[in-house]
PDB file of N, CA and C in Angstrom:
ATOM      1  N   MET A   1     120.094 100.549  79.855  1.00  0.00           N
ATOM      2  CA  MET A   1     121.426 100.873  79.439  1.00  0.00           C
ATOM      3  C   MET A   1     121.584 102.318  79.790  1.00  0.00           C
ATOM      4  N   PRO A   2     122.531 102.643  80.631  1.00  0.00           N
ATOM      5  CA  PRO A   2     122.951 103.906  81.010  1.00  0.00           C
ATOM      6  C   PRO A   2     123.610 104.522  79.855  1.00  0.00           C
ATOM      7  N   LYS A   3     123.443 105.960  79.744  1.00  0.00           N
ATOM      8  CA  LYS A   3     124.247 106.747  78.742  1.00  0.00           C
ATOM      9  C   LYS A   3     125.528 107.001  79.316  1.00  0.00           C
ATOM     10  N   PRO A   4     126.486 107.379  78.596  1.00  0.00           N
ATOM     11  CA  PRO A   4     127.925 107.745  79.132  1.00  0.00           C
ATOM     12  C   PRO A   4     127.802 108.939  80.089  1.00  0.00           C
ATOM     13  N   GLU A   5     126.831 109.836  79.928  1.00  0.00           N
ATOM     14  CA  GLU A   5     126.740 111.097  80.713  1.00  0.00           C
ATOM     15  C   GLU A   5     126.070 110.730  81.955  1.00  0.00           C
ATOM     16  N   GLU A   6     125.473 109.673  82.209  1.00  0.00           N
ATOM     17  CA  GLU A   6     124.685 109.112  83.368  1.00  0.00           C
ATOM     18  C   GLU A   6     125.574 108.343  84.317  1.00  0.00           C
ATOM     19  N   VAL A   7     126.908 107.969  83.964  1.00  0.00           N
ATOM     20  CA  VAL A   7     127.713 107.222  84.857  1.00  0.00           C
ATOM     21  C   VAL A   7     128.941 108.021  85.473  1.00  0.00           C
ATOM     22  N   LYS A   8     129.486 107.579  86.448  1.00  0.00           N
ATOM     23  CA  LYS A   8     130.796 108.246  87.068  1.00  0.00           C
ATOM     24  C   LYS A   8     131.965 107.439  86.504  1.00  0.00           C
ATOM     25  N   TYR A   9     133.075 107.966  86.529  1.00  0.00           N
ATOM     26  CA  TYR A   9     134.336 107.394  86.062  1.00  0.00           C
ATOM     27  C   TYR A   9     135.488 107.446  87.116  1.00  0.00           C
ATOM     28  N   THR A  10     136.304 106.611  86.935  1.00  0.00           N
ATOM     29  CA  THR A  10     137.589 106.526  87.733  1.00  0.00           C
ATOM     30  C   THR A  10     138.763 106.948  86.881  1.00  0.00           C
ATOM     31  N   LYS A  11     139.907 107.190  87.579  1.00  0.00           N
ATOM     32  CA  LYS A  11     141.103 107.457  86.979  1.00  0.00           C
ATOM     33  C   LYS A  11     141.809 106.236  86.271  1.00  0.00           C
ATOM     34  N   THR A  12     141.272 105.084  86.687  1.00  0.00           N
ATOM     35  CA  THR A  12     141.738 103.740  86.149  1.00  0.00           C
ATOM     36  C   THR A  12     140.699 103.215  85.074  1.00  0.00           C
ATOM     37  N   HIS A  13     139.871 104.142  84.628  1.00  0.00           N
ATOM     38  CA  HIS A  13     139.023 103.965  83.487  1.00  0.00           C
ATOM     39  C   HIS A  13     137.699 102.836  83.800  1.00  0.00           C
ATOM     40  N   GLU A  14     137.383 102.773  85.014  1.00  0.00           N
ATOM     41  CA  GLU A  14     136.143 102.002  85.200  1.00  0.00           C
ATOM     42  C   GLU A  14     134.893 103.024  85.196  1.00  0.00           C
ATOM     43  N   TRP A  15     133.794 102.550  84.953  1.00  0.00           N
ATOM     44  CA  TRP A  15     132.467 103.358  85.061  1.00  0.00           C
ATOM     45  C   TRP A  15     131.727 102.758  86.258  1.00  0.00           C
ATOM     46  N   LEU A  16     130.932 103.605  86.738  1.00  0.00           N
ATOM     47  CA  LEU A  16     130.119 103.253  87.895  1.00  0.00           C
ATOM     48  C   LEU A  16     128.701 103.935  87.706  1.00  0.00           C
ATOM     49  N   HIS A  17     127.663 102.951  87.599  1.00  0.00           N
ATOM     50  CA  HIS A  17     126.205 103.443  87.541  1.00  0.00           C
ATOM     51  C   HIS A  17     125.438 103.117  88.823  1.00  0.00           C
ATOM     52  N   VAL A  18     125.132 104.195  89.627  1.00  0.00           N
ATOM     53  CA  VAL A  18     124.563 103.862  90.969  1.00  0.00           C
ATOM     54  C   VAL A  18     123.196 103.839  90.807  1.00  0.00           C
ATOM     55  N   GLN A  19     122.553 102.790  91.436  1.00  0.00           N
ATOM     56  CA  GLN A  19     120.890 102.687  91.419  1.00  0.00           C
ATOM     57  C   GLN A  19     120.601 102.214  92.893  1.00  0.00           C
ATOM     58  N   GLY A  20     120.269 103.172  93.595  1.00  0.00           N
ATOM     59  CA  GLY A  20     119.924 103.044  95.068  1.00  0.00           C
ATOM     60  C   GLY A  20     121.201 102.667  95.694  1.00  0.00           C
ATOM     61  N   PRO A  21     121.198 101.445  96.517  1.00  0.00           N
ATOM     62  CA  PRO A  21     122.243 101.066  97.410  1.00  0.00           C
ATOM     63  C   PRO A  21     123.280 100.162  96.615  1.00  0.00           C
ATOM     64  N   GLU A  22     122.932  99.996  95.377  1.00  0.00           N
ATOM     65  CA  GLU A  22     123.787  99.222  94.533  1.00  0.00           C
ATOM     66  C   GLU A  22     124.375  99.930  93.425  1.00  0.00           C
ATOM     67  N   ALA A  23     125.544  99.598  92.918  1.00  0.00           N
ATOM     68  CA  ALA A  23     126.085 100.155  91.572  1.00  0.00           C
ATOM     69  C   ALA A  23     126.647  99.257  90.670  1.00  0.00           C
ATOM     70  N   THR A  24     126.445  99.234  89.355  1.00  0.00           N
ATOM     71  CA  THR A  24     127.015  98.632  88.296  1.00  0.00           C
ATOM     72  C   THR A  24     128.317  99.145  87.989  1.00  0.00           C
ATOM     73  N   VAL A  25     129.290  98.093  87.701  1.00  0.00           N
ATOM     74  CA  VAL A  25     130.550  98.563  87.388  1.00  0.00           C
ATOM     75  C   VAL A  25     130.993  98.042  86.018  1.00  0.00           C
ATOM     76  N   GLY A  26     131.789  98.811  85.108  1.00  0.00           N
ATOM     77  CA  GLY A  26     132.266  98.260  83.870  1.00  0.00           C
ATOM     78  C   GLY A  26     133.464  98.956  83.469  1.00  0.00           C
ATOM     79  N   LEU A  27     133.932  98.706  82.307  1.00  0.00           N
ATOM     80  CA  LEU A  27     135.272  99.275  81.712  1.00  0.00           C
ATOM     81  C   LEU A  27     134.763 100.496  80.874  1.00  0.00           C
ATOM     82  N   SER A  28     135.312 101.575  80.848  1.00  0.00           N
ATOM     83  CA  SER A  28     135.019 102.592  79.822  1.00  0.00           C
ATOM     84  C   SER A  28     135.207 102.381  78.456  1.00  0.00           C
ATOM     85  N   ASP A  29     134.402 102.961  77.546  1.00  0.00           N
ATOM     86  CA  ASP A  29     134.737 102.786  76.201  1.00  0.00           C
ATOM     87  C   ASP A  29     136.019 103.143  75.655  1.00  0.00           C
ATOM     88  N   HIS A  30     136.560 104.168  76.365  1.00  0.00           N
ATOM     89  CA  HIS A  30     137.985 104.722  76.072  1.00  0.00           C
ATOM     90  C   HIS A  30     138.951 103.596  76.383  1.00  0.00           C
ATOM     91  N   ALA A  31     138.754 103.034  77.598  1.00  0.00           N
ATOM     92  CA  ALA A  31     139.637 101.853  78.025  1.00  0.00           C
ATOM     93  C   ALA A  31     139.684 100.746  76.982  1.00  0.00           C
ATOM     94  N   GLN A  32     138.495 100.310  76.662  1.00  0.00           N
ATOM     95  CA  GLN A  32     138.453  99.119  75.701  1.00  0.00           C
ATOM     96  C   GLN A  32     139.152  99.335  74.337  1.00  0.00           C
ATOM     97  N   HIS A  33     138.943 100.652  73.953  1.00  0.00           N
ATOM     98  CA  HIS A  33     139.625 100.966  72.674  1.00  0.00           C
ATOM     99  C   HIS A  33     141.238 100.916  72.697  1.00  0.00           C
ATOM    100  N   GLU A  34     141.665 101.537  73.931  1.00  0.00           N
ATOM    101  CA  GLU A  34     142.978 101.551  74.211  1.00  0.00           C
ATOM    102  C   GLU A  34     143.661 100.050  74.267  1.00  0.00           C
ATOM    103  N   MET A  35     142.930  99.131  74.981  1.00  0.00           N
ATOM    104  CA  MET A  35     143.355  97.787  75.301  1.00  0.00           C
ATOM    105  C   MET A  35     143.428  96.946  73.971  1.00  0.00           C
ATOM    106  N   GLY A  36     142.432  97.217  73.039  1.00  0.00           N
ATOM    107  CA  GLY A  36     142.389  96.360  71.915  1.00  0.00           C
ATOM    108  C   GLY A  36     141.551  95.185  72.337  1.00  0.00           C
ATOM    109  N   ASP A  37     141.665  94.088  71.381  1.00  0.00           N
ATOM    110  CA  ASP A  37     140.710  92.901  71.537  1.00  0.00           C
ATOM    111  C   ASP A  37     140.842  92.352  72.933  1.00  0.00           C
ATOM    112  N   ILE A  38     139.679  92.230  73.548  1.00  0.00           N
ATOM    113  CA  ILE A  38     139.633  91.568  74.957  1.00  0.00           C
ATOM    114  C   ILE A  38     139.367  90.118  74.728  1.00  0.00           C
ATOM    115  N   VAL A  39     140.212  89.243  75.484  1.00  0.00           N
ATOM    116  CA  VAL A  39     140.229  87.878  75.145  1.00  0.00           C
ATOM    117  C   VAL A  39     139.787  87.121  76.538  1.00  0.00           C
ATOM    118  N   PHE A  40     139.949  87.766  77.597  1.00  0.00           N
ATOM    119  CA  PHE A  40     139.656  87.051  78.844  1.00  0.00           C
ATOM    120  C   PHE A  40     139.248  87.998  79.927  1.00  0.00           C
ATOM    121  N   VAL A  41     138.213  87.653  80.634  1.00  0.00           N
ATOM    122  CA  VAL A  41     137.723  88.438  81.835  1.00  0.00           C
ATOM    123  C   VAL A  41     137.749  87.446  83.051  1.00  0.00           C
ATOM    124  N   GLU A  42     138.365  87.942  84.118  1.00  0.00           N
ATOM    125  CA  GLU A  42     138.207  87.248  85.466  1.00  0.00           C
ATOM    126  C   GLU A  42     137.591  88.195  86.485  1.00  0.00           C
ATOM    127  N   LEU A  43     136.389  87.715  86.740  1.00  0.00           N
ATOM    128  CA  LEU A  43     135.489  88.435  87.705  1.00  0.00           C
ATOM    129  C   LEU A  43     135.897  88.234  89.086  1.00  0.00           C
ATOM    130  N   PRO A  44     135.397  89.214  90.038  1.00  0.00           N
ATOM    131  CA  PRO A  44     135.717  88.867  91.428  1.00  0.00           C
ATOM    132  C   PRO A  44     134.784  87.687  91.813  1.00  0.00           C
ATOM    133  N   LYS A  45     134.865  87.335  93.018  1.00  0.00           N
ATOM    134  CA  LYS A  45     133.985  86.252  93.614  1.00  0.00           C
ATOM    135  C   LYS A  45     132.660  86.881  94.057  1.00  0.00           C
ATOM    136  N   ALA A  46     131.716  86.134  93.904  1.00  0.00           N
ATOM    137  CA  ALA A  46     130.302  86.594  94.444  1.00  0.00           C
ATOM    138  C   ALA A  46     130.504  86.873  95.944  1.00  0.00           C
ATOM    139  N   ASP A  47     129.796  87.886  96.523  1.00  0.00           N
ATOM    140  CA  ASP A  47     129.739  88.225  97.868  1.00  0.00           C
ATOM    141  C   ASP A  47     131.095  88.630  98.439  1.00  0.00           C
ATOM    142  N   GLN A  48     132.067  88.881  97.545  1.00  0.00           N
ATOM    143  CA  GLN A  48     133.373  89.320  98.066  1.00  0.00           C
ATOM    144  C   GLN A  48     133.398  90.730  98.424  1.00  0.00           C
ATOM    145  N   ALA A  49     134.105  91.001  99.537  1.00  0.00           N
ATOM    146  CA  ALA A  49     134.261  92.402  99.872  1.00  0.00           C
ATOM    147  C   ALA A  49     135.328  93.053  99.036  1.00  0.00           C
ATOM    148  N   VAL A  50     135.066  94.355  98.529  1.00  0.00           N
ATOM    149  CA  VAL A  50     136.153  95.147  97.814  1.00  0.00           C
ATOM    150  C   VAL A  50     136.240  96.459  98.319  1.00  0.00           C
ATOM    151  N   GLU A  51     137.634  96.919  98.123  1.00  0.00           N
ATOM    152  CA  GLU A  51     137.778  98.187  98.690  1.00  0.00           C
ATOM    153  C   GLU A  51     138.161  99.303  97.557  1.00  0.00           C
ATOM    154  N   LYS A  52     137.685 100.418  97.876  1.00  0.00           N
ATOM    155  CA  LYS A  52     137.779 101.545  96.819  1.00  0.00           C
ATOM    156  C   LYS A  52     139.266 101.525  96.260  1.00  0.00           C
ATOM    157  N   GLU A  53     139.323 101.536  94.915  1.00  0.00           N
ATOM    158  CA  GLU A  53     140.727 101.675  94.230  1.00  0.00           C
ATOM    159  C   GLU A  53     141.583 100.530  94.371  1.00  0.00           C
ATOM    160  N   LYS A  54     141.110  99.349  94.903  1.00  0.00           N
ATOM    161  CA  LYS A  54     141.922  98.156  95.020  1.00  0.00           C
ATOM    162  C   LYS A  54     141.442  97.167  93.819  1.00  0.00           C
ATOM    163  N   PRO A  55     142.478  96.604  93.211  1.00  0.00           N
ATOM    164  CA  PRO A  55     142.172  95.557  92.246  1.00  0.00           C
ATOM    165  C   PRO A  55     141.159  94.491  92.699  1.00  0.00           C
ATOM    166  N   CYS A  56     140.206  94.068  91.743  1.00  0.00           N
ATOM    167  CA  CYS A  56     139.282  93.041  92.141  1.00  0.00           C
ATOM    168  C   CYS A  56     138.962  92.145  91.005  1.00  0.00           C
ATOM    169  N   ALA A  57     139.425  92.502  89.792  1.00  0.00           N
ATOM    170  CA  ALA A  57     139.098  91.676  88.494  1.00  0.00           C
ATOM    171  C   ALA A  57     140.169  91.918  87.707  1.00  0.00           C
ATOM    172  N   ILE A  58     140.154  91.106  86.534  1.00  0.00           N
ATOM    173  CA  ILE A  58     141.211  91.256  85.460  1.00  0.00           C
ATOM    174  C   ILE A  58     140.538  91.126  84.125  1.00  0.00           C
ATOM    175  N   VAL A  59     141.174  91.969  83.227  1.00  0.00           N
ATOM    176  CA  VAL A  59     140.696  91.903  81.908  1.00  0.00           C
ATOM    177  C   VAL A  59     142.016  91.869  81.055  1.00  0.00           C
ATOM    178  N   GLU A  60     141.959  90.853  80.241  1.00  0.00           N
ATOM    179  CA  GLU A  60     143.251  90.501  79.309  1.00  0.00           C
ATOM    180  C   GLU A  60     142.794  90.902  77.785  1.00  0.00           C
ATOM    181  N   SER A  61     143.764  91.556  77.233  1.00  0.00           N
ATOM    182  CA  SER A  61     143.556  91.708  75.890  1.00  0.00           C
ATOM    183  C   SER A  61     144.656  91.156  75.005  1.00  0.00           C
ATOM    184  N   VAL A  62     144.718  91.282  73.785  1.00  0.00           N
ATOM    185  CA  VAL A  62     145.767  90.652  73.051  1.00  0.00           C
ATOM    186  C   VAL A  62     147.115  91.431  73.270  1.00  0.00           C
ATOM    187  N   LYS A  63     147.062  92.715  73.913  1.00  0.00           N
ATOM    188  CA  LYS A  63     148.135  93.348  74.138  1.00  0.00           C
ATOM    189  C   LYS A  63     148.776  92.998  75.626  1.00  0.00           C
ATOM    190  N   SER A  64     147.861  92.876  76.586  1.00  0.00           N
ATOM    191  CA  SER A  64     148.373  92.721  78.023  1.00  0.00           C
ATOM    192  C   SER A  64     147.171  92.509  78.956  1.00  0.00           C
ATOM    193  N   ALA A  65     147.493  92.232  80.237  1.00  0.00           N
ATOM    194  CA  ALA A  65     146.435  92.071  81.300  1.00  0.00           C
ATOM    195  C   ALA A  65     146.297  93.402  82.103  1.00  0.00           C
ATOM    196  N   PHE A  66     145.053  93.749  82.485  1.00  0.00           N
ATOM    197  CA  PHE A  66     144.769  94.894  83.143  1.00  0.00           C
ATOM    198  C   PHE A  66     143.966  94.635  84.448  1.00  0.00           C
ATOM    199  N   ASP A  67     144.453  95.247  85.506  1.00  0.00           N
ATOM    200  CA  ASP A  67     143.524  95.037  86.741  1.00  0.00           C
ATOM    201  C   ASP A  67     142.260  96.056  86.705  1.00  0.00           C
ATOM    202  N   ILE A  68     141.374  95.509  87.058  1.00  0.00           N
ATOM    203  CA  ILE A  68     140.137  96.424  87.227  1.00  0.00           C
ATOM    204  C   ILE A  68     139.916  96.714  88.835  1.00  0.00           C
ATOM    205  N   HIS A  69     139.726  97.926  89.012  1.00  0.00           N
ATOM    206  CA  HIS A  69     139.747  98.469  90.451  1.00  0.00           C
ATOM    207  C   HIS A  69     138.377  98.742  90.815  1.00  0.00           C
ATOM    208  N   ALA A  70     138.015  98.435  92.128  1.00  0.00           N
ATOM    209  CA  ALA A  70     136.670  98.744  92.626  1.00  0.00           C
ATOM    210  C   ALA A  70     136.655 100.405  92.763  1.00  0.00           C
ATOM    211  N   PRO A  71     135.695 100.868  92.046  1.00  0.00           N
ATOM    212  CA  PRO A  71     135.494 102.514  92.217  1.00  0.00           C
ATOM    213  C   PRO A  71     134.965 102.799  93.508  1.00  0.00           C
ATOM    214  N   VAL A  72     134.268 101.978  94.376  1.00  0.00           N
ATOM    215  CA  VAL A  72     133.895 102.190  95.575  1.00  0.00           C
ATOM    216  C   VAL A  72     134.001 100.997  96.528  1.00  0.00           C
ATOM    217  N   SER A  73     133.933 101.151  97.786  1.00  0.00           N
ATOM    218  CA  SER A  73     133.936 100.147  98.727  1.00  0.00           C
ATOM    219  C   SER A  73     132.567  99.412  98.817  1.00  0.00           C
ATOM    220  N   GLY A  74     132.580  97.989  99.065  1.00  0.00           N
ATOM    221  CA  GLY A  74     131.359  97.494  99.218  1.00  0.00           C
ATOM    222  C   GLY A  74     131.460  95.911  99.132  1.00  0.00           C
ATOM    223  N   ARG A  75     130.440  95.215  98.825  1.00  0.00           N
ATOM    224  CA  ARG A  75     130.382  93.885  98.583  1.00  0.00           C
ATOM    225  C   ARG A  75     129.819  93.521  97.288  1.00  0.00           C
ATOM    226  N   ILE A  76     130.484  92.589  96.514  1.00  0.00           N
ATOM    227  CA  ILE A  76     129.976  92.241  95.290  1.00  0.00           C
ATOM    228  C   ILE A  76     128.514  91.482  95.317  1.00  0.00           C
ATOM    229  N   SER A  77     127.617  92.022  94.661  1.00  0.00           N
ATOM    230  CA  SER A  77     126.173  91.528  94.917  1.00  0.00           C
ATOM    231  C   SER A  77     125.777  90.836  93.643  1.00  0.00           C
ATOM    232  N   ALA A  78     126.518  90.993  92.428  1.00  0.00           N
ATOM    233  CA  ALA A  78     126.043  90.222  91.157  1.00  0.00           C
ATOM    234  C   ALA A  78     127.353  90.177  90.258  1.00  0.00           C
ATOM    235  N   LEU A  79     127.394  89.207  89.390  1.00  0.00           N
ATOM    236  CA  LEU A  79     128.430  89.158  88.402  1.00  0.00           C
ATOM    237  C   LEU A  79     127.798  88.977  87.131  1.00  0.00           C
ATOM    238  N   ASN A  80     128.471  89.453  86.026  1.00  0.00           N
ATOM    239  CA  ASN A  80     128.041  89.194  84.635  1.00  0.00           C
ATOM    240  C   ASN A  80     128.879  88.086  84.089  1.00  0.00           C
ATOM    241  N   GLU A  81     128.310  86.862  84.248  1.00  0.00           N
ATOM    242  CA  GLU A  81     128.983  85.691  83.857  1.00  0.00           C
ATOM    243  C   GLU A  81     129.050  85.655  82.325  1.00  0.00           C
ATOM    244  N   GLY A  82     128.075  86.343  81.547  1.00  0.00           N
ATOM    245  CA  GLY A  82     128.080  86.450  80.216  1.00  0.00           C
ATOM    246  C   GLY A  82     129.402  87.035  79.505  1.00  0.00           C
ATOM    247  N   VAL A  83     129.831  88.129  80.271  1.00  0.00           N
ATOM    248  CA  VAL A  83     131.127  88.716  79.796  1.00  0.00           C
ATOM    249  C   VAL A  83     132.296  87.843  80.031  1.00  0.00           C
ATOM    250  N   ALA A  84     132.237  86.858  81.092  1.00  0.00           N
ATOM    251  CA  ALA A  84     133.437  85.931  81.376  1.00  0.00           C
ATOM    252  C   ALA A  84     133.284  84.918  80.205  1.00  0.00           C
ATOM    253  N   LYS A  85     132.318  84.536  79.740  1.00  0.00           N
ATOM    254  CA  LYS A  85     132.058  83.478  78.730  1.00  0.00           C
ATOM    255  C   LYS A  85     132.363  84.131  77.212  1.00  0.00           C
ATOM    256  N   GLU A  86     132.099  85.414  77.125  1.00  0.00           N
ATOM    257  CA  GLU A  86     132.112  86.052  75.811  1.00  0.00           C
ATOM    258  C   GLU A  86     132.977  87.563  76.091  1.00  0.00           C
ATOM    259  N   PRO A  87     134.186  87.534  76.316  1.00  0.00           N
ATOM    260  CA  PRO A  87     135.032  88.624  76.511  1.00  0.00           C
ATOM    261  C   PRO A  87     134.852  89.706  75.527  1.00  0.00           C
ATOM    262  N   VAL A  88     134.663  89.454  74.217  1.00  0.00           N
ATOM    263  CA  VAL A  88     134.516  90.334  73.290  1.00  0.00           C
ATOM    264  C   VAL A  88     133.447  91.461  73.468  1.00  0.00           C
ATOM    265  N   LEU A  89     132.483  90.956  74.290  1.00  0.00           N
ATOM    266  CA  LEU A  89     131.481  91.922  74.666  1.00  0.00           C
ATOM    267  C   LEU A  89     131.949  93.273  75.281  1.00  0.00           C
ATOM    268  N   VAL A  90     133.106  93.136  75.835  1.00  0.00           N
ATOM    269  CA  VAL A  90     133.656  94.495  76.374  1.00  0.00           C
ATOM    270  C   VAL A  90     134.028  95.508  75.328  1.00  0.00           C
ATOM    271  N   ASN A  91     134.491  94.845  74.230  1.00  0.00           N
ATOM    272  CA  ASN A  91     134.684  95.751  73.000  1.00  0.00           C
ATOM    273  C   ASN A  91     133.413  96.147  72.210  1.00  0.00           C
ATOM    274  N   GLN A  92     132.469  95.335  72.292  1.00  0.00           N
ATOM    275  CA  GLN A  92     131.255  95.582  71.557  1.00  0.00           C
ATOM    276  C   GLN A  92     130.249  96.554  72.234  1.00  0.00           C
ATOM    277  N   SER A  93     130.244  96.326  73.705  1.00  0.00           N
ATOM    278  CA  SER A  93     129.146  96.970  74.208  1.00  0.00           C
ATOM    279  C   SER A  93     129.568  97.266  75.715  1.00  0.00           C
ATOM    280  N   PRO A  94     130.548  98.055  75.861  1.00  0.00           N
ATOM    281  CA  PRO A  94     131.153  98.416  77.251  1.00  0.00           C
ATOM    282  C   PRO A  94     130.029  98.986  78.295  1.00  0.00           C
ATOM    283  N   LEU A  95     129.121  99.600  77.656  1.00  0.00           N
ATOM    284  CA  LEU A  95     128.050 100.345  78.790  1.00  0.00           C
ATOM    285  C   LEU A  95     126.855  99.608  78.851  1.00  0.00           C
ATOM    286  N   ASP A  96     126.698  98.542  78.133  1.00  0.00           N
ATOM    287  CA  ASP A  96     125.398  97.749  78.310  1.00  0.00           C
ATOM    288  C   ASP A  96     125.666  96.253  78.620  1.00  0.00           C
ATOM    289  N   LYS A  97     125.890  95.411  77.568  1.00  0.00           N
ATOM    290  CA  LYS A  97     126.097  93.923  77.852  1.00  0.00           C
ATOM    291  C   LYS A  97     127.294  93.601  78.554  1.00  0.00           C
ATOM    292  N   ALA A  98     128.193  94.557  78.582  1.00  0.00           N
ATOM    293  CA  ALA A  98     129.765  94.083  79.186  1.00  0.00           C
ATOM    294  C   ALA A  98     129.785  94.701  80.544  1.00  0.00           C
ATOM    295  N   TRP A  99     128.781  95.008  81.332  1.00  0.00           N
ATOM    296  CA  TRP A  99     129.031  95.439  82.685  1.00  0.00           C
ATOM    297  C   TRP A  99     129.814  94.144  83.410  1.00  0.00           C
ATOM    298  N   LEU A 100     130.650  94.385  84.341  1.00  0.00           N
ATOM    299  CA  LEU A 100     131.426  93.392  84.957  1.00  0.00           C
ATOM    300  C   LEU A 100     130.722  92.842  86.165  1.00  0.00           C
ATOM    301  N   PHE A 101     130.422  93.649  87.094  1.00  0.00           N
ATOM    302  CA  PHE A 101     129.785  93.251  88.384  1.00  0.00           C
ATOM    303  C   PHE A 101     129.034  94.387  89.126  1.00  0.00           C
ATOM    304  N   LYS A 102     128.354  94.076  90.072  1.00  0.00           N
ATOM    305  CA  LYS A 102     127.527  94.974  90.849  1.00  0.00           C
ATOM    306  C   LYS A 102     128.120  94.911  92.296  1.00  0.00           C
ATOM    307  N   ILE A 103     128.147  96.187  92.891  1.00  0.00           N
ATOM    308  CA  ILE A 103     128.640  96.363  94.278  1.00  0.00           C
ATOM    309  C   ILE A 103     127.447  96.977  95.085  1.00  0.00           C
ATOM    310  N   LYS A 104     127.148  96.288  96.168  1.00  0.00           N
ATOM    311  CA  LYS A 104     126.291  96.903  97.273  1.00  0.00           C
ATOM    312  C   LYS A 104     127.264  97.856  98.072  1.00  0.00           C
ATOM    313  N   LEU A 105     126.872  99.114  97.961  1.00  0.00           N
ATOM    314  CA  LEU A 105     127.721 100.195  98.550  1.00  0.00           C
ATOM    315  C   LEU A 105     127.703 100.156  99.980  1.00  0.00           C
ATOM    316  N   SER A 106     129.056 100.206 100.572  1.00  0.00           N
ATOM    317  CA  SER A 106     129.290 100.221 101.932  1.00  0.00           C
ATOM    318  C   SER A 106     129.405 101.695 102.455  1.00  0.00           C
ATOM    319  N   ASN A 107     129.887 102.631 101.494  1.00  0.00           N
ATOM    320  CA  ASN A 107     129.987 103.963 101.809  1.00  0.00           C
ATOM    321  C   ASN A 107     129.568 104.848 100.538  1.00  0.00           C
ATOM    322  N   PRO A 108     128.419 105.108 100.456  1.00  0.00           N
ATOM    323  CA  PRO A 108     127.734 105.830  99.255  1.00  0.00           C
ATOM    324  C   PRO A 108     128.481 107.251  98.998  1.00  0.00           C
ATOM    325  N   ALA A 109     129.046 107.802 100.107  1.00  0.00           N
ATOM    326  CA  ALA A 109     129.611 109.150  99.914  1.00  0.00           C
ATOM    327  C   ALA A 109     130.829 109.023  98.928  1.00  0.00           C
ATOM    328  N   GLN A 110     131.386 107.875  98.793  1.00  0.00           N
ATOM    329  CA  GLN A 110     132.505 107.754  97.974  1.00  0.00           C
ATOM    330  C   GLN A 110     132.388 107.958  96.553  1.00  0.00           C
ATOM    331  N   VAL A 111     131.109 107.955  96.101  1.00  0.00           N
ATOM    332  CA  VAL A 111     130.718 108.253  94.563  1.00  0.00           C
ATOM    333  C   VAL A 111     130.984 109.655  94.346  1.00  0.00           C
ATOM    334  N   LYS A 112     130.934 110.495  95.272  1.00  0.00           N
ATOM    335  CA  LYS A 112     131.319 111.972  95.059  1.00  0.00           C
ATOM    336  C   LYS A 112     132.700 112.213  94.676  1.00  0.00           C
ATOM    337  N   ASP A 113     133.611 111.159  94.897  1.00  0.00           N
ATOM    338  CA  ASP A 113     135.051 111.331  94.592  1.00  0.00           C
ATOM    339  C   ASP A 113     135.307 111.034  93.079  1.00  0.00           C
ATOM    340  N   LEU A 114     134.309 110.440  92.369  1.00  0.00           N
ATOM    341  CA  LEU A 114     134.296 110.024  91.020  1.00  0.00           C
ATOM    342  C   LEU A 114     134.111 111.254  89.979  1.00  0.00           C
ATOM    343  N   MET A 115     134.603 111.009  88.803  1.00  0.00           N
ATOM    344  CA  MET A 115     134.389 112.033  87.820  1.00  0.00           C
ATOM    345  C   MET A 115     133.200 111.854  87.026  1.00  0.00           C
ATOM    346  N   ASP A 116     132.490 112.978  86.672  1.00  0.00           N
ATOM    347  CA  ASP A 116     131.399 112.961  85.765  1.00  0.00           C
ATOM    348  C   ASP A 116     131.936 112.947  84.353  1.00  0.00           C
ATOM    349  N   TRP A 117     130.996 112.778  83.520  1.00  0.00           N
ATOM    350  CA  TRP A 117     131.392 112.650  81.951  1.00  0.00           C
ATOM    351  C   TRP A 117     132.198 113.809  81.563  1.00  0.00           C
ATOM    352  N   THR A 118     132.012 114.998  81.780  1.00  0.00           N
ATOM    353  CA  THR A 118     132.872 116.101  81.298  1.00  0.00           C
ATOM    354  C   THR A 118     134.109 116.149  81.940  1.00  0.00           C
ATOM    355  N   ALA A 119     134.210 115.849  83.295  1.00  0.00           N
ATOM    356  CA  ALA A 119     135.529 115.832  83.891  1.00  0.00           C
ATOM    357  C   ALA A 119     136.465 114.503  83.375  1.00  0.00           C
ATOM    358  N   TYR A 120     135.765 113.374  83.053  1.00  0.00           N
ATOM    359  CA  TYR A 120     136.369 112.254  82.522  1.00  0.00           C
ATOM    360  C   TYR A 120     136.900 112.586  81.104  1.00  0.00           C
ATOM    361  N   GLN A 121     136.181 113.215  80.296  1.00  0.00           N
ATOM    362  CA  GLN A 121     136.644 113.702  79.046  1.00  0.00           C
ATOM    363  C   GLN A 121     137.881 114.540  79.034  1.00  0.00           C
ATOM    364  N   GLU A 122     137.795 115.549  79.988  1.00  0.00           N
ATOM    365  CA  GLU A 122     139.019 116.288  80.228  1.00  0.00           C
ATOM    366  C   GLU A 122     140.256 115.583  80.579  1.00  0.00           C
ATOM    367  N   PHE A 123     139.974 114.587  81.508  1.00  0.00           N
ATOM    368  CA  PHE A 123     141.050 113.726  82.008  1.00  0.00           C
ATOM    369  C   PHE A 123     141.751 113.000  80.942  1.00  0.00           C
ATOM    370  N   ILE A 124     140.988 112.601  79.873  1.00  0.00           N
ATOM    371  CA  ILE A 124     141.489 111.814  78.769  1.00  0.00           C
ATOM    372  C   ILE A 124     142.318 112.770  77.940  1.00  0.00           C
ATOM    373  N   LYS A 125     141.788 113.921  77.667  1.00  0.00           N
ATOM    374  CA  LYS A 125     142.366 114.882  76.815  1.00  0.00           C
ATOM    375  C   LYS A 125     143.698 115.421  77.420  1.00  0.00           C
ATOM    376  N   GLN A 126     143.811 115.400  78.616  1.00  0.00           N
ATOM    377  CA  GLN A 126     145.161 115.706  79.278  1.00  0.00           C
ATOM    378  C   GLN A 126     146.239 114.570  79.163  1.00  0.00           C
ATOM    379  N   GLY A 127     145.878 113.536  78.498  1.00  0.00           N
ATOM    380  CA  GLY A 127     146.703 112.562  78.302  1.00  0.00           C
ATOM    381  C   GLY A 127     146.964 111.624  79.512  1.00  0.00           C
ATOM    382  N   ARG A 128     146.048 111.560  80.327  1.00  0.00           N
ATOM    383  CA  ARG A 128     146.265 110.743  81.480  1.00  0.00           C
ATOM    384  C   ARG A 128     145.395 109.352  81.426  1.00  0.00           C
ATOM    385  N   GLY A 129     144.777 109.343  80.189  1.00  0.00           N
ATOM    386  CA  GLY A 129     143.965 108.138  79.868  1.00  0.00           C
ATOM    387  C   GLY A 129     144.523 107.168  79.032  1.00  0.00           C
TER     388      GLY A 129
END
């Protein structure tokens, strides 16, 4: 399980943990708190091509539905079916059991565009989160 300081963050509140040519994607702890109780997760398709900053999955809470954006471009290499079956995991364990999908990176340089933990905390404090 990565620590919050070990992952990168997007302005749309996804986190990305890079491990070699692949990255794991999930929803930030801040986002799941803001959304409330998660009741449904629609994952992308296996082997689907995704484009940086484009919607590729959906998370629904008791409040509303939210698009999940690909933090980087690539191809979906794994899905966490457990979170689709048990959406409450997003609230209970956003950085561990509730990862959403993995992406085989097509352009690893895009990771540099993402925020580190400190920048993400500042982003939230500025009311952008």
